[in-house]
Amino acid sequence: MRKIVIAIDGPAASGKSTTARLVADALGYLHIDTGAMYRAVTLRVLEERMSLEDVAGISDLAERTRIRLERSERGNKVFADGRDVTLDIRSALVTKNVSLVSSYQRVRDVLVREQRRMAAEGGVVLEGRDIGTVVLPNADLKIYMVAGVTERVQRRKKELAELGIEVESEKLEKEILERDRFDSTRKSSPLRRADGSVQVDTSFMTIDQQVQFVVDLAKETIGD
């Protein structure tokens, strides 16, 4: 059975990360969380107390930083230069600044190169905001996930609560809408639906339904 490349894109909290991880588990594929990679670079920028306007310095740091994703029972663990940063990259400060850091072209060039290397042999599920449009435009299956803002706020709130982080819904909604605006209007790899992608509104779907939908499409694609 041939191993395909699956690209899942969508805005924040649309369900793509959890769905991608579970689809990868169901198919025995590698899950590549590209957003976590950008978060890891952002974390390192903040730890180094660099100016967020220092594009050249941040780009150089991205070149030097070694990011590794490792599968575990609770999803991917993320390592930056050998250090487990899985929880650190989900902090409010990283969330606030990751869109800006990930908008820099050289940062994207570095991470896109690594993502393509990881996907070269197939058998992968990549998720992010520009997988089907920029990173892997020739992916075998492209999914674009969307959801209503109210549902996305509740999902993000639950996700953070599980990490021991409590945030007011109003603040989360403001952050999500601002990130939508920034991601969809940035000059470098803006968020948009890829040509040939299947759009899925997950607002009223359970995680199991989302996963089964993508797995069924994957099996159809593999069988073609």
N, C-alpha and C. Protein backbone atom coordinates (compact mmCIF):
# COMPACT_ATOMS: atom_id res chain seq x y z
N MET A 1 0.85 -1.20 0.00
CA MET A 1 0.00 0.00 0.00
C MET A 1 0.88 1.25 0.00
N ARG A 2 0.67 2.11 -0.99
CA ARG A 2 1.52 3.31 -1.07
C ARG A 2 1.20 4.27 0.05
N LYS A 3 2.22 5.01 0.45
CA LYS A 3 2.07 5.98 1.52
C LYS A 3 1.96 7.38 0.91
N ILE A 4 0.91 8.09 1.27
CA ILE A 4 0.65 9.39 0.67
C ILE A 4 1.05 10.53 1.61
N VAL A 5 0.99 11.73 1.07
CA VAL A 5 1.24 12.95 1.84
C VAL A 5 -0.09 13.67 2.02
N ILE A 6 -0.45 13.95 3.27
CA ILE A 6 -1.70 14.63 3.59
C ILE A 6 -1.39 16.00 4.18
N ALA A 7 -1.97 17.04 3.60
CA ALA A 7 -1.78 18.41 4.06
C ALA A 7 -3.09 18.92 4.67
N ILE A 8 -3.03 19.39 5.91
CA ILE A 8 -4.21 19.93 6.57
C ILE A 8 -3.92 21.36 6.99
N ASP A 9 -4.67 22.30 6.43
CA ASP A 9 -4.50 23.72 6.74
C ASP A 9 -5.75 24.26 7.40
N GLY A 10 -5.60 25.43 8.01
CA GLY A 10 -6.75 26.09 8.60
C GLY A 10 -6.32 27.10 9.65
N PRO A 11 -7.24 27.96 10.07
CA PRO A 11 -6.93 28.97 11.09
C PRO A 11 -6.78 28.35 12.47
N ALA A 12 -6.39 29.16 13.43
CA ALA A 12 -6.18 28.70 14.80
C ALA A 12 -7.43 28.05 15.37
N ALA A 13 -7.24 26.92 16.07
CA ALA A 13 -8.30 26.22 16.79
C ALA A 13 -9.42 25.71 15.89
N SER A 14 -9.11 25.46 14.63
CA SER A 14 -10.12 24.90 13.72
C SER A 14 -10.21 23.38 13.86
N GLY A 15 -9.32 22.80 14.65
CA GLY A 15 -9.34 21.36 14.88
C GLY A 15 -8.26 20.61 14.14
N LYS A 16 -7.42 21.32 13.42
CA LYS A 16 -6.46 20.65 12.54
C LYS A 16 -5.37 19.87 13.28
N SER A 17 -4.90 20.40 14.41
CA SER A 17 -3.79 19.74 15.11
C SER A 17 -4.20 18.38 15.68
N THR A 18 -5.30 18.36 16.42
CA THR A 18 -5.78 17.11 17.00
C THR A 18 -6.17 16.13 15.91
N THR A 19 -6.87 16.62 14.89
CA THR A 19 -7.28 15.76 13.79
C THR A 19 -6.06 15.18 13.07
N ALA A 20 -5.08 16.02 12.79
CA ALA A 20 -3.88 15.55 12.10
C ALA A 20 -3.17 14.46 12.90
N ARG A 21 -3.05 14.66 14.19
CA ARG A 21 -2.37 13.68 15.04
C ARG A 21 -3.10 12.34 15.04
N LEU A 22 -4.42 12.39 15.16
CA LEU A 22 -5.20 11.15 15.22
C LEU A 22 -5.30 10.46 13.86
N VAL A 23 -5.34 11.25 12.79
CA VAL A 23 -5.31 10.66 11.45
C VAL A 23 -3.99 9.95 11.23
N ALA A 24 -2.90 10.58 11.65
CA ALA A 24 -1.58 9.96 11.53
C ALA A 24 -1.53 8.65 12.31
N ASP A 25 -2.09 8.66 13.52
CA ASP A 25 -2.12 7.44 14.33
C ASP A 25 -2.93 6.34 13.63
N ALA A 26 -4.07 6.71 13.06
CA ALA A 26 -4.95 5.73 12.42
C ALA A 26 -4.29 5.10 11.20
N LEU A 27 -3.48 5.87 10.49
CA LEU A 27 -2.85 5.39 9.27
C LEU A 27 -1.43 4.87 9.49
N GLY A 28 -0.91 5.08 10.71
CA GLY A 28 0.47 4.70 10.99
C GLY A 28 1.47 5.65 10.35
N TYR A 29 1.07 6.92 10.21
CA TYR A 29 1.89 7.94 9.57
C TYR A 29 2.58 8.81 10.62
N LEU A 30 3.52 9.62 10.17
CA LEU A 30 4.17 10.61 11.02
C LEU A 30 3.36 11.90 10.99
N HIS A 31 3.10 12.46 12.17
CA HIS A 31 2.40 13.74 12.26
C HIS A 31 3.43 14.85 12.40
N ILE A 32 3.42 15.80 11.49
CA ILE A 32 4.35 16.92 11.53
C ILE A 32 3.56 18.20 11.84
N ASP A 33 3.69 18.68 13.07
CA ASP A 33 3.00 19.88 13.53
C ASP A 33 3.89 21.08 13.20
N THR A 34 3.64 21.71 12.06
CA THR A 34 4.51 22.81 11.64
C THR A 34 4.35 24.03 12.54
N GLY A 35 3.15 24.22 13.08
CA GLY A 35 2.94 25.34 13.99
C GLY A 35 3.83 25.24 15.22
N ALA A 36 4.02 24.02 15.71
CA ALA A 36 4.89 23.81 16.87
C ALA A 36 6.33 24.18 16.54
N MET A 37 6.73 23.98 15.29
CA MET A 37 8.08 24.33 14.88
C MET A 37 8.28 25.84 14.92
N TYR A 38 7.29 26.60 14.43
CA TYR A 38 7.37 28.06 14.49
C TYR A 38 7.31 28.55 15.94
N ARG A 39 6.54 27.87 16.76
CA ARG A 39 6.46 28.23 18.17
C ARG A 39 7.82 28.01 18.86
N ALA A 40 8.50 26.95 18.47
CA ALA A 40 9.80 26.66 19.08
C ALA A 40 10.81 27.76 18.75
N VAL A 41 10.79 28.23 17.51
CA VAL A 41 11.68 29.33 17.13
C VAL A 41 11.30 30.59 17.91
N THR A 42 10.00 30.86 18.02
CA THR A 42 9.54 32.03 18.76
C THR A 42 9.97 31.97 20.22
N LEU A 43 9.86 30.79 20.82
CA LEU A 43 10.30 30.61 22.21
C LEU A 43 11.78 30.96 22.35
N ARG A 44 12.59 30.50 21.42
CA ARG A 44 14.03 30.77 21.49
C ARG A 44 14.31 32.28 21.33
N VAL A 45 13.54 32.93 20.48
CA VAL A 45 13.68 34.38 20.30
C VAL A 45 13.41 35.09 21.63
N LEU A 46 12.34 34.70 22.30
CA LEU A 46 11.98 35.32 23.57
C LEU A 46 13.01 35.01 24.65
N GLU A 47 13.49 33.78 24.67
CA GLU A 47 14.50 33.41 25.67
C GLU A 47 15.79 34.18 25.48
N GLU A 48 16.12 34.48 24.22
CA GLU A 48 17.33 35.24 23.93
C GLU A 48 17.13 36.75 24.09
N ARG A 49 15.90 37.13 24.45
CA ARG A 49 15.54 38.55 24.63
C ARG A 49 15.87 39.39 23.40
N MET A 50 15.60 38.83 22.25
CA MET A 50 15.86 39.53 21.00
C MET A 50 14.71 40.48 20.68
N SER A 51 15.02 41.53 19.97
CA SER A 51 13.98 42.42 19.49
C SER A 51 13.16 41.68 18.44
N LEU A 52 11.86 41.81 18.53
CA LEU A 52 11.00 41.14 17.56
C LEU A 52 11.07 41.80 16.19
N GLU A 53 11.74 42.93 16.12
CA GLU A 53 11.94 43.62 14.84
C GLU A 53 13.28 43.25 14.20
N ASP A 54 14.09 42.45 14.90
CA ASP A 54 15.41 42.06 14.41
C ASP A 54 15.26 40.87 13.46
N VAL A 55 14.82 41.16 12.25
CA VAL A 55 14.54 40.09 11.29
C VAL A 55 15.79 39.27 10.98
N ALA A 56 16.92 39.92 10.76
CA ALA A 56 18.15 39.21 10.42
C ALA A 56 18.59 38.31 11.58
N GLY A 57 18.57 38.85 12.80
CA GLY A 57 18.98 38.08 13.95
C GLY A 57 18.07 36.89 14.21
N ILE A 58 16.76 37.10 14.08
CA ILE A 58 15.80 36.01 14.28
C ILE A 58 15.98 34.94 13.21
N SER A 59 16.22 35.36 11.98
CA SER A 59 16.43 34.41 10.89
C SER A 59 17.67 33.57 11.13
N ASP A 60 18.75 34.21 11.60
CA ASP A 60 19.98 33.48 11.92
C ASP A 60 19.73 32.47 13.05
N LEU A 61 18.95 32.88 14.04
CA LEU A 61 18.63 31.99 15.16
C LEU A 61 17.84 30.78 14.66
N ALA A 62 16.92 31.02 13.74
CA ALA A 62 16.14 29.91 13.17
C ALA A 62 17.06 28.92 12.46
N GLU A 63 18.06 29.43 11.76
CA GLU A 63 19.04 28.57 11.07
C GLU A 63 19.79 27.70 12.07
N ARG A 64 20.12 28.25 13.23
CA ARG A 64 20.94 27.54 14.21
C ARG A 64 20.14 26.58 15.08
N THR A 65 18.86 26.85 15.24
CA THR A 65 18.04 26.05 16.16
C THR A 65 17.70 24.70 15.55
N ARG A 66 17.96 23.64 16.30
CA ARG A 66 17.64 22.29 15.85
C ARG A 66 16.33 21.85 16.50
N ILE A 67 15.30 21.70 15.66
CA ILE A 67 13.97 21.33 16.16
C ILE A 67 13.69 19.88 15.81
N ARG A 68 13.20 19.15 16.79
CA ARG A 68 12.89 17.73 16.58
C ARG A 68 11.51 17.42 17.13
N LEU A 69 10.73 16.65 16.39
CA LEU A 69 9.41 16.19 16.83
C LEU A 69 9.51 14.70 17.15
N GLU A 70 9.00 14.32 18.29
CA GLU A 70 9.09 12.93 18.73
C GLU A 70 7.71 12.44 19.15
N ARG A 71 7.27 11.32 18.61
CA ARG A 71 5.95 10.79 18.94
C ARG A 71 5.91 10.27 20.36
N SER A 72 4.77 10.51 21.04
CA SER A 72 4.54 9.96 22.37
C SER A 72 3.08 9.59 22.47
N GLU A 73 2.69 8.96 23.57
CA GLU A 73 1.31 8.53 23.74
C GLU A 73 0.34 9.71 23.78
N ARG A 74 0.83 10.87 24.18
CA ARG A 74 -0.03 12.05 24.28
C ARG A 74 0.22 13.05 23.15
N GLY A 75 0.75 12.56 22.06
CA GLY A 75 1.02 13.42 20.92
C GLY A 75 2.50 13.74 20.82
N ASN A 76 2.83 14.61 19.88
CA ASN A 76 4.23 14.94 19.65
C ASN A 76 4.85 15.66 20.84
N LYS A 77 6.11 15.29 21.11
CA LYS A 77 6.94 16.10 21.99
C LYS A 77 7.81 16.95 21.09
N VAL A 78 8.05 18.19 21.52
CA VAL A 78 8.82 19.12 20.71
C VAL A 78 10.13 19.44 21.43
N PHE A 79 11.23 19.30 20.71
CA PHE A 79 12.54 19.58 21.28
C PHE A 79 13.22 20.69 20.49
N ALA A 80 13.84 21.61 21.21
CA ALA A 80 14.64 22.67 20.58
C ALA A 80 16.05 22.56 21.12
N ASP A 81 16.99 22.26 20.24
CA ASP A 81 18.38 22.06 20.64
C ASP A 81 18.49 21.03 21.76
N GLY A 82 17.72 19.96 21.63
CA GLY A 82 17.80 18.85 22.58
C GLY A 82 16.99 19.02 23.84
N ARG A 83 16.32 20.15 24.03
CA ARG A 83 15.54 20.43 25.24
C ARG A 83 14.05 20.28 24.96
N ASP A 84 13.34 19.59 25.84
CA ASP A 84 11.89 19.40 25.70
C ASP A 84 11.19 20.73 25.98
N VAL A 85 10.56 21.29 24.94
CA VAL A 85 9.87 22.58 25.08
C VAL A 85 8.38 22.44 24.79
N THR A 86 7.87 21.21 24.89
CA THR A 86 6.48 20.92 24.54
C THR A 86 5.48 21.84 25.24
N LEU A 87 5.66 22.05 26.53
CA LEU A 87 4.75 22.91 27.28
C LEU A 87 5.10 24.38 27.11
N ASP A 88 6.38 24.68 27.07
CA ASP A 88 6.82 26.09 26.99
C ASP A 88 6.30 26.79 25.74
N ILE A 89 6.19 26.08 24.63
CA ILE A 89 5.79 26.73 23.39
C ILE A 89 4.30 27.08 23.36
N ARG A 90 3.54 26.62 24.36
CA ARG A 90 2.10 26.91 24.42
C ARG A 90 1.80 28.09 25.34
N SER A 91 2.82 28.78 25.83
CA SER A 91 2.59 29.90 26.73
C SER A 91 1.89 31.04 26.01
N ALA A 92 1.26 31.90 26.79
CA ALA A 92 0.54 33.05 26.22
C ALA A 92 1.49 33.98 25.47
N LEU A 93 2.71 34.13 25.99
CA LEU A 93 3.67 35.03 25.36
C LEU A 93 4.11 34.51 23.99
N VAL A 94 4.32 33.22 23.89
CA VAL A 94 4.67 32.63 22.59
C VAL A 94 3.49 32.78 21.63
N THR A 95 2.30 32.48 22.12
CA THR A 95 1.10 32.60 21.28
C THR A 95 0.93 34.02 20.75
N LYS A 96 1.22 34.99 21.58
CA LYS A 96 1.07 36.40 21.19
C LYS A 96 2.04 36.79 20.08
N ASN A 97 3.23 36.17 20.04
CA ASN A 97 4.28 36.62 19.13
C ASN A 97 4.60 35.69 17.97
N VAL A 98 4.02 34.50 17.95
CA VAL A 98 4.39 33.53 16.93
C VAL A 98 3.99 33.96 15.52
N SER A 99 2.89 34.67 15.38
CA SER A 99 2.47 35.10 14.04
C SER A 99 3.50 36.03 13.42
N LEU A 100 4.05 36.95 14.22
CA LEU A 100 5.04 37.88 13.69
C LEU A 100 6.32 37.16 13.31
N VAL A 101 6.83 36.33 14.19
CA VAL A 101 8.06 35.59 13.91
C VAL A 101 7.90 34.71 12.68
N SER A 102 6.75 34.05 12.58
CA SER A 102 6.53 33.13 11.45
C SER A 102 6.24 33.86 10.15
N SER A 103 6.09 35.18 10.21
CA SER A 103 5.84 35.93 8.98
C SER A 103 7.13 36.30 8.25
N TYR A 104 8.27 36.13 8.91
CA TYR A 104 9.54 36.49 8.30
C TYR A 104 9.97 35.45 7.27
N GLN A 105 10.26 35.89 6.06
CA GLN A 105 10.50 34.98 4.95
C GLN A 105 11.66 34.02 5.19
N ARG A 106 12.76 34.50 5.74
CA ARG A 106 13.90 33.61 5.96
C ARG A 106 13.59 32.55 7.00
N VAL A 107 12.80 32.90 8.01
CA VAL A 107 12.39 31.91 9.02
C VAL A 107 11.56 30.83 8.34
N ARG A 108 10.64 31.26 7.48
CA ARG A 108 9.79 30.31 6.78
C ARG A 108 10.63 29.44 5.84
N ASP A 109 11.59 30.04 5.17
CA ASP A 109 12.44 29.27 4.25
C ASP A 109 13.15 28.14 4.98
N VAL A 110 13.68 28.45 6.16
CA VAL A 110 14.40 27.45 6.95
C VAL A 110 13.49 26.30 7.34
N LEU A 111 12.32 26.63 7.87
CA LEU A 111 11.43 25.58 8.37
C LEU A 111 10.73 24.83 7.23
N VAL A 112 10.40 25.52 6.15
CA VAL A 112 9.80 24.84 5.00
C VAL A 112 10.77 23.82 4.42
N ARG A 113 12.03 24.18 4.35
CA ARG A 113 13.05 23.24 3.87
C ARG A 113 13.07 21.97 4.71
N GLU A 114 13.00 22.14 6.04
CA GLU A 114 13.01 21.00 6.94
C GLU A 114 11.72 20.18 6.81
N GLN A 115 10.59 20.88 6.67
CA GLN A 115 9.31 20.17 6.53
C GLN A 115 9.26 19.35 5.25
N ARG A 116 9.78 19.88 4.18
CA ARG A 116 9.82 19.13 2.91
C ARG A 116 10.72 17.92 3.03
N ARG A 117 11.83 18.07 3.75
CA ARG A 117 12.73 16.93 3.94
C ARG A 117 12.02 15.82 4.71
N MET A 118 11.28 16.18 5.73
CA MET A 118 10.58 15.20 6.55
C MET A 118 9.46 14.50 5.77
N ALA A 119 8.90 15.19 4.79
CA ALA A 119 7.77 14.64 4.03
C ALA A 119 8.18 13.90 2.76
N ALA A 120 9.47 13.92 2.45
CA ALA A 120 9.94 13.44 1.15
C ALA A 120 9.55 12.00 0.82
N GLU A 121 9.50 11.13 1.82
CA GLU A 121 9.23 9.72 1.55
C GLU A 121 7.76 9.36 1.71
N GLY A 122 6.90 10.33 1.98
CA GLY A 122 5.47 10.05 2.14
C GLY A 122 5.17 9.46 3.51
N GLY A 123 3.91 9.08 3.69
CA GLY A 123 3.49 8.53 4.98
C GLY A 123 3.50 9.57 6.07
N VAL A 124 3.07 10.80 5.72
CA VAL A 124 3.08 11.89 6.69
C VAL A 124 1.77 12.69 6.63
N VAL A 125 1.44 13.29 7.76
CA VAL A 125 0.33 14.24 7.85
C VAL A 125 0.91 15.54 8.37
N LEU A 126 0.93 16.56 7.53
CA LEU A 126 1.43 17.87 7.93
C LEU A 126 0.26 18.81 8.12
N GLU A 127 0.33 19.62 9.16
CA GLU A 127 -0.73 20.61 9.37
C GLU A 127 -0.13 21.96 9.71
N GLY A 128 -0.82 23.00 9.23
CA GLY A 128 -0.34 24.35 9.46
C GLY A 128 -1.25 25.35 8.78
N ARG A 129 -0.65 26.36 8.16
CA ARG A 129 -1.42 27.41 7.49
C ARG A 129 -1.05 27.57 6.02
N ASP A 130 0.05 26.96 5.61
CA ASP A 130 0.46 27.09 4.21
C ASP A 130 0.98 25.79 3.64
N ILE A 131 0.52 24.67 4.19
CA ILE A 131 1.04 23.37 3.74
C ILE A 131 0.61 23.09 2.30
N GLY A 132 -0.68 23.22 2.04
CA GLY A 132 -1.19 22.93 0.70
C GLY A 132 -0.90 24.00 -0.32
N THR A 133 -0.59 25.21 0.13
CA THR A 133 -0.34 26.31 -0.80
C THR A 133 1.14 26.52 -1.09
N VAL A 134 2.00 26.32 -0.09
CA VAL A 134 3.42 26.63 -0.25
C VAL A 134 4.34 25.45 0.03
N VAL A 135 4.18 24.82 1.18
CA VAL A 135 5.11 23.77 1.59
C VAL A 135 5.01 22.56 0.68
N LEU A 136 3.80 22.05 0.50
CA LEU A 136 3.59 20.84 -0.31
C LEU A 136 2.38 21.02 -1.23
N PRO A 137 2.49 21.89 -2.21
CA PRO A 137 1.35 22.14 -3.10
C PRO A 137 0.94 20.92 -3.91
N ASN A 138 1.83 19.92 -4.01
CA ASN A 138 1.51 18.70 -4.75
C ASN A 138 1.16 17.54 -3.81
N ALA A 139 0.75 17.86 -2.59
CA ALA A 139 0.33 16.83 -1.64
C ALA A 139 -0.78 15.99 -2.25
N ASP A 140 -0.80 14.71 -1.90
CA ASP A 140 -1.81 13.80 -2.47
C ASP A 140 -3.22 14.15 -2.03
N LEU A 141 -3.34 14.62 -0.78
CA LEU A 141 -4.66 14.98 -0.25
C LEU A 141 -4.51 16.28 0.53
N LYS A 142 -5.34 17.27 0.18
CA LYS A 142 -5.28 18.57 0.85
C LYS A 142 -6.64 18.87 1.50
N ILE A 143 -6.58 19.18 2.80
CA ILE A 143 -7.77 19.48 3.58
C ILE A 143 -7.67 20.91 4.10
N TYR A 144 -8.79 21.65 4.06
CA TYR A 144 -8.82 23.00 4.64
C TYR A 144 -9.92 23.01 5.68
N MET A 145 -9.54 23.12 6.97
CA MET A 145 -10.49 23.04 8.06
C MET A 145 -10.87 24.43 8.56
N VAL A 146 -12.17 24.63 8.79
CA VAL A 146 -12.66 25.89 9.34
C VAL A 146 -13.63 25.58 10.48
N ALA A 147 -13.94 26.60 11.28
CA ALA A 147 -14.93 26.46 12.36
C ALA A 147 -15.33 27.85 12.82
N GLY A 148 -16.51 27.95 13.40
CA GLY A 148 -17.00 29.23 13.92
C GLY A 148 -16.14 29.72 15.07
N VAL A 149 -16.07 31.02 15.24
CA VAL A 149 -15.17 31.58 16.25
C VAL A 149 -15.55 31.16 17.66
N THR A 150 -16.85 31.03 17.96
CA THR A 150 -17.27 30.62 19.31
C THR A 150 -16.75 29.24 19.65
N GLU A 151 -16.87 28.33 18.70
CA GLU A 151 -16.37 26.97 18.90
C GLU A 151 -14.86 26.96 19.04
N ARG A 152 -14.19 27.78 18.26
CA ARG A 152 -12.72 27.82 18.31
C ARG A 152 -12.23 28.36 19.65
N VAL A 153 -12.93 29.34 20.19
CA VAL A 153 -12.58 29.88 21.51
C VAL A 153 -12.70 28.80 22.58
N GLN A 154 -13.79 28.04 22.54
CA GLN A 154 -13.99 26.99 23.53
C GLN A 154 -12.92 25.91 23.42
N ARG A 155 -12.55 25.59 22.20
CA ARG A 155 -11.50 24.57 22.01
C ARG A 155 -10.17 25.05 22.56
N ARG A 156 -9.81 26.29 22.26
CA ARG A 156 -8.54 26.81 22.74
C ARG A 156 -8.53 26.92 24.26
N LYS A 157 -9.67 27.33 24.81
CA LYS A 157 -9.80 27.46 26.27
C LYS A 157 -9.58 26.09 26.95
N LYS A 158 -10.18 25.06 26.37
CA LYS A 158 -10.03 23.71 26.91
C LYS A 158 -8.60 23.22 26.77
N GLU A 159 -8.01 23.49 25.63
CA GLU A 159 -6.62 23.07 25.38
C GLU A 159 -5.68 23.69 26.41
N LEU A 160 -5.85 24.98 26.66
CA LEU A 160 -5.00 25.67 27.62
C LEU A 160 -5.27 25.19 29.05
N ALA A 161 -6.53 24.93 29.36
CA ALA A 161 -6.89 24.46 30.70
C ALA A 161 -6.20 23.13 31.00
N GLU A 162 -6.10 22.29 29.98
CA GLU A 162 -5.43 21.00 30.16
C GLU A 162 -3.95 21.16 30.44
N LEU A 163 -3.41 22.33 30.08
CA LEU A 163 -2.00 22.62 30.36
C LEU A 163 -1.85 23.44 31.64
N GLY A 164 -3.00 23.63 32.34
CA GLY A 164 -2.97 24.38 33.58
C GLY A 164 -2.98 25.88 33.39
N ILE A 165 -3.43 26.34 32.19
CA ILE A 165 -3.45 27.77 31.88
C ILE A 165 -4.90 28.23 31.75
N GLU A 166 -5.30 29.19 32.56
CA GLU A 166 -6.66 29.71 32.52
C GLU A 166 -6.68 31.08 31.84
N VAL A 167 -7.50 31.22 30.80
CA VAL A 167 -7.60 32.49 30.07
C VAL A 167 -9.07 32.80 29.83
N GLU A 168 -9.45 34.06 29.98
CA GLU A 168 -10.83 34.48 29.77
C GLU A 168 -11.23 34.32 28.30
N SER A 169 -12.48 33.92 28.07
CA SER A 169 -12.97 33.68 26.71
C SER A 169 -12.86 34.93 25.84
N GLU A 170 -13.17 36.11 26.44
CA GLU A 170 -13.13 37.35 25.68
C GLU A 170 -11.72 37.63 25.16
N LYS A 171 -10.73 37.36 25.99
CA LYS A 171 -9.34 37.58 25.58
C LYS A 171 -8.95 36.61 24.48
N LEU A 172 -9.37 35.36 24.62
CA LEU A 172 -9.05 34.36 23.60
C LEU A 172 -9.68 34.71 22.26
N GLU A 173 -10.93 35.18 22.29
CA GLU A 173 -11.60 35.54 21.05
C GLU A 173 -10.86 36.68 20.36
N LYS A 174 -10.44 37.66 21.12
CA LYS A 174 -9.69 38.78 20.55
C LYS A 174 -8.39 38.30 19.93
N GLU A 175 -7.69 37.40 20.62
CA GLU A 175 -6.41 36.88 20.11
C GLU A 175 -6.61 36.07 18.84
N ILE A 176 -7.66 35.24 18.79
CA ILE A 176 -7.92 34.40 17.63
C ILE A 176 -8.28 35.24 16.42
N LEU A 177 -9.15 36.23 16.61
CA LEU A 177 -9.55 37.08 15.49
C LEU A 177 -8.37 37.92 14.98
N GLU A 178 -7.53 38.38 15.90
CA GLU A 178 -6.36 39.15 15.49
C GLU A 178 -5.39 38.26 14.71
N ARG A 179 -5.25 37.02 15.16
CA ARG A 179 -4.34 36.13 14.44
C ARG A 179 -4.90 35.79 13.06
N ASP A 180 -6.20 35.61 12.97
CA ASP A 180 -6.82 35.38 11.66
C ASP A 180 -6.50 36.52 10.70
N ARG A 181 -6.66 37.74 11.21
CA ARG A 181 -6.42 38.91 10.38
C ARG A 181 -4.96 38.97 9.94
N PHE A 182 -4.07 38.76 10.88
CA PHE A 182 -2.64 38.84 10.57
C PHE A 182 -2.23 37.74 9.60
N ASP A 183 -2.64 36.50 9.88
CA ASP A 183 -2.22 35.37 9.05
C ASP A 183 -2.75 35.47 7.62
N SER A 184 -3.95 36.00 7.47
CA SER A 184 -4.56 36.05 6.14
C SER A 184 -4.10 37.24 5.31
N THR A 185 -3.43 38.20 5.96
CA THR A 185 -3.00 39.41 5.23
C THR A 185 -1.49 39.57 5.15
N ARG A 186 -0.74 38.68 5.80
CA ARG A 186 0.72 38.82 5.76
C ARG A 186 1.23 38.60 4.34
N LYS A 187 2.37 39.20 4.03
CA LYS A 187 2.93 39.12 2.69
C LYS A 187 3.51 37.74 2.39
N SER A 188 4.11 37.12 3.40
CA SER A 188 4.76 35.83 3.21
C SER A 188 3.82 34.68 3.55
N SER A 189 3.47 33.88 2.55
CA SER A 189 2.64 32.68 2.74
C SER A 189 1.37 32.94 3.54
N PRO A 190 0.49 33.82 3.08
CA PRO A 190 -0.74 34.10 3.83
C PRO A 190 -1.65 32.87 3.91
N LEU A 191 -2.44 32.83 4.94
CA LEU A 191 -3.41 31.76 5.12
C LEU A 191 -4.49 31.87 4.06
N ARG A 192 -4.66 30.81 3.28
CA ARG A 192 -5.74 30.74 2.31
C ARG A 192 -5.98 29.28 1.93
N ARG A 193 -7.13 29.02 1.38
CA ARG A 193 -7.47 27.66 0.97
C ARG A 193 -6.69 27.29 -0.29
N ALA A 194 -6.06 26.13 -0.26
CA ALA A 194 -5.27 25.68 -1.40
C ALA A 194 -6.16 25.18 -2.53
N ASP A 195 -5.70 25.38 -3.76
CA ASP A 195 -6.40 24.84 -4.92
C ASP A 195 -6.49 23.32 -4.78
N GLY A 196 -7.66 22.78 -5.07
CA GLY A 196 -7.82 21.33 -5.02
C GLY A 196 -8.03 20.76 -3.64
N SER A 197 -8.17 21.63 -2.63
CA SER A 197 -8.37 21.14 -1.26
C SER A 197 -9.85 20.89 -0.99
N VAL A 198 -10.10 20.05 0.01
CA VAL A 198 -11.46 19.77 0.46
C VAL A 198 -11.71 20.57 1.72
N GLN A 199 -12.70 21.46 1.70
CA GLN A 199 -13.00 22.28 2.88
C GLN A 199 -13.95 21.53 3.80
N VAL A 200 -13.61 21.57 5.10
CA VAL A 200 -14.42 20.88 6.11
C VAL A 200 -14.74 21.86 7.23
N ASP A 201 -16.02 22.10 7.48
CA ASP A 201 -16.44 22.94 8.60
C ASP A 201 -16.63 22.02 9.81
N THR A 202 -15.74 22.18 10.82
CA THR A 202 -15.75 21.27 11.97
C THR A 202 -16.56 21.80 13.15
N SER A 203 -17.30 22.90 12.95
CA SER A 203 -18.02 23.55 14.04
C SER A 203 -18.89 22.59 14.83
N PHE A 204 -19.57 21.70 14.12
CA PHE A 204 -20.51 20.80 14.79
C PHE A 204 -20.12 19.33 14.60
N MET A 205 -18.84 19.10 14.41
CA MET A 205 -18.32 17.74 14.27
C MET A 205 -17.52 17.37 15.51
N THR A 206 -17.64 16.13 15.93
CA THR A 206 -16.78 15.64 17.01
C THR A 206 -15.40 15.35 16.43
N ILE A 207 -14.43 15.19 17.30
CA ILE A 207 -13.08 14.85 16.84
C ILE A 207 -13.11 13.53 16.08
N ASP A 208 -13.86 12.56 16.59
CA ASP A 208 -13.94 11.26 15.91
C ASP A 208 -14.50 11.41 14.50
N GLN A 209 -15.49 12.26 14.33
CA GLN A 209 -16.08 12.49 13.01
C GLN A 209 -15.09 13.17 12.08
N GLN A 210 -14.35 14.12 12.61
CA GLN A 210 -13.34 14.80 11.80
C GLN A 210 -12.27 13.82 11.32
N VAL A 211 -11.81 13.01 12.25
CA VAL A 211 -10.75 12.05 11.92
C VAL A 211 -11.25 11.04 10.90
N GLN A 212 -12.45 10.51 11.11
CA GLN A 212 -12.98 9.50 10.19
C GLN A 212 -13.17 10.08 8.79
N PHE A 213 -13.59 11.33 8.71
CA PHE A 213 -13.78 11.99 7.42
C PHE A 213 -12.48 12.03 6.65
N VAL A 214 -11.40 12.43 7.31
CA VAL A 214 -10.11 12.54 6.64
C VAL A 214 -9.54 11.16 6.33
N VAL A 215 -9.69 10.22 7.25
CA VAL A 215 -9.19 8.86 7.01
C VAL A 215 -9.89 8.24 5.81
N ASP A 216 -11.19 8.44 5.70
CA ASP A 216 -11.94 7.90 4.55
C ASP A 216 -11.43 8.50 3.24
N LEU A 217 -11.19 9.81 3.24
CA LEU A 217 -10.66 10.46 2.04
C LEU A 217 -9.26 9.93 1.71
N ALA A 218 -8.47 9.72 2.75
CA ALA A 218 -7.10 9.20 2.55
C ALA A 218 -7.14 7.81 1.93
N LYS A 219 -8.03 6.97 2.42
CA LYS A 219 -8.13 5.60 1.87
C LYS A 219 -8.62 5.63 0.43
N GLU A 220 -9.52 6.55 0.11
CA GLU A 220 -9.96 6.71 -1.28
C GLU A 220 -8.79 7.13 -2.16
N THR A 221 -7.98 8.05 -1.64
CA THR A 221 -6.83 8.55 -2.40
C THR A 221 -5.80 7.46 -2.60
N ILE A 222 -5.55 6.68 -1.55
CA ILE A 222 -4.58 5.59 -1.65
C ILE A 222 -5.04 4.55 -2.67
N GLY A 223 -6.36 4.37 -2.73
CA GLY A 223 -6.90 3.36 -3.63
C GLY A 223 -6.96 3.79 -5.09
N ASP A 224 -6.78 5.08 -5.34
CA ASP A 224 -6.87 5.59 -6.73
C ASP A 224 -5.76 4.98 -7.60
